[in-house]
Amino acid sequence: MGLQFVGARAVSAVSTWGLKNVFHRPAANFPGKIALYVDPHLIANLAPKLEKGSICVVGTNGKTTVTNLLADALELAGNRVVCNRTGANLDSGVATSLLHAGPSDWGVFESDELWLAKILPQLQATYVVLLNLFRDQLDRVGEIDRIQDSIVGALENSPNTVLVYNADDPLCTAIADRAANRSVAFGVNEDLGLPQNSVADAQMCQRCSTMLEYAYRQYGQLGAFSCPTCGFARPALEYAATNVHLGLDGLSFDVSDETISAPYTGAYMVYNLLATAAAADLCGCPLPSLQKAIDVFDPQNGRLQTFDIAGRRVLLNLAKNPTGFNQNLKIVAQDPGDKVVAFFVNDKEGDGRDVSWLWDIDFEELAEDEANLTVFAGGIRANDMQVRLKYAGIDAQVVEDAEDLLAKIKGLPATQSAYLIANYTALPPVHSVLTAQAEAPAAQGAPAGSPAGAESPSSVASAPSAAENRDSLVIAHLFPDLLNLYGDGGNVRILEQRLRWRGVPVEVKRVNHGETIDLAGVDLVMLGGGPDREQRLASAELMGMREQLHDYVEDGGVLLAICGGYQILGREWLLGDEVVKGLGIVDMTTERAAGGSGDRLIDNIVLRSPLAQRPVVGYENHAGRTHLGAGVEPFGTVSSPTGHGNNDADKQDGVRYRNVVGTYLHGPLLAKNPEVADDLLSRALDRLAARTNTPRIELTPLDDTVEQSANDAMAKKLGARS
């Protein structure tokens, strides 16, 4: 150890004293951060104080809950435990926890997925508990493949660490498949019969890129999966949950001849508790100690925390990605009565700047019941949430903060439970307000019931009955099962809804992998982008449609192409790190950046486009650099200080060719840009009239106040030039 270690402990002690006594702030990260500057090997030097070993808990959802509950169970079993309980899950948080601890038995540390590569090689943990992997913060952490590579690399640098992993998740199983470490599999060994959401984050085999098959699926990509080609499948489970009961008053399941029960609901909590049970048992902690920990568990950190506010039961929970939100919506859906729901979404660095993932959440589930639902949208991106809810058929009101929300619902009957769902940085201020106004703590767990509903937004036009005998405008969404990485499928929902609000008959044909379609009977095609593995499979099918797509475009067919779907329209495009032949429909090429695929163009962006009088706002996240041929027009010119567009130089984004619009703008593109949506629909109606030899349908005006407010908010935030 030596002078660096002594110096690191000294600066940590001074900074800890200053934070607590001078600035009155928690010392969760900073002491460890500055100590690591002094001694980069600080965690390795402190690890010997953990006499029995350590556990790192990693995964997209559930880390904080599992970490705290496991630490509680070990303590109830008589162990001395060090834990970064506040969720400070970088190396600085782990270092701070170790610096503040005396000699201990176990260290239980939550770790950010990408920071495990820095923490584990020093800590040499006894176990890594891998909970799940879901798409999350693509602008910060990138695609899931990158996270998998990082975790595998971390395990390679800690060869004696045992991987305890969720074998129901093919993405976690693929890590166990690649890593040489001993592994222990856990999972749910029966079909829970749960309704499925529209988006899952793993469709393909990670060995051979064949589409996976499922005997049953629990939620997301979790379930009993198998590959029909190479045999990659869920392995035998060493810790299997059986006899699972998900009731209105809580849950229970059997594992290792013990029954675990908890006053929570939701399949995701079964997985959290099962992971905790597996880790506790491996650490020699009797499962009855875990049950005692569950019975008294009250972290008071906003995760499934219940408050009594003026006699109203208020449930607060964290959700920061599509899977997390969808699981929270199922909790709301269990309440049979009238209720209040509020969504708080920020876009700070800790959340990810890109909120396109909102369009992969099945908010439509909230509009399927007859119960009265009062909905609010808050946070920095409240306007984006309001737009998303509008297209789900839900009229939401924007609130400034949690205090404003509580003031607005005071007049509603106190018998209506309230559900507040917030993403990462939005959670603490909401939690603070609820804590300050709570009269008395209520019982943990979620109120019960069945799906909630809402009326269609009052701001949209109703459908005239004269539409009944018209021919339907046909929208073809090509390969949505493969190409929907950034919520781009939301564009189809927007186009469809804007027609229905006007009483124009519309049919959406979703052409999945392996299916075909005759584009002669189609008026508008949507083509999105996807992860490299999925995009490669989709590109093979698109190349097989090359002549048909070419004829469709030349015949006046309307086509909206986003990111990878945009790139493949050119003569050459970027497939992973490889430049390959494209469809050749548009004179343009896409090449790698000089710095390689890691040199991505990522930021909010505003354009000026001839297709709209208002600014066109969106989000870009792409590695390819696209260059248009001579005489080919861009979709728009960058007018914001942030954003690049097609490449590093010309400050132009996308392409316009005949009735083709290609762009790098996600968000999805049309959510805050209704003028662009209506331009595409107008062109599609021209094609419909010509295709069916019927009079052209005119687009009647819609009330786009909600969309325009979201557009204004982002254009103002980015300081776009007028």
Foldseek 3Di string as FASTA:
>chain_A
DDDLLVVLLVQLVVVCCCCCPPVVHHPQFVSLVVSCVSPVLLLLVLLVLQPAFEEEEEEDPDQLVLLVLLQQLVVLLPWFEFESNLPPAASRRQSSSSSPDGRTHYYRYYHYLQRLLSNCLRNLTQEYEYQAYDDAQCVPQNAVVSSLVSVLNSCVSNQNHEYEYALQHLSRVVSVVPHPHHYAYEYADDAPPDDEADAARDQAHPPPGAGKDAPHAHYRSGHFIAHPPPTDTRDDHPWYWPPWDFDQQWIWTDTPNDIATARAGFPSVVSSLSSSQVVCVVSVRDVVSSNVSRVPPDSLQQAQFWFQFVLAIEGGHEDQAQRRLQRVQFLVQFAAAEAEEEEAEEPPPVRHNFPLRLLSHLLLLQAPDPHEYAYEYEYLLSLLNQLSVLLSQAHYHYAHALVRVVVVCPPPDSHHHYYYYYYDVNRVVNSVVRVVRGPDGDDGYGRGHHHHHYHGDPQFAAADPVQPPDDAAEEEEEAPNQFCSRSLCVLVSVLCSLCNSHNHHYDYHYAHPPGDDQCLRHAEYEEGHHPLSSLVSSQVVVLVCLVRVLVCVVVLHAYEYAASRQQLCEQWGQRQQDIDGHSHSFHKHKHFDPVGQVPWQWDKWWWDAPLDPAIFTFIATGGIAMDHDPPWDARTATQFPGTAARHNPDRTHFTDDRNYTYGRGPSDRCSLPVSNSVVNVQSSQVSVCVSVVHDGDDRDDGRCPSSPVSSVSVCVVRVGDD
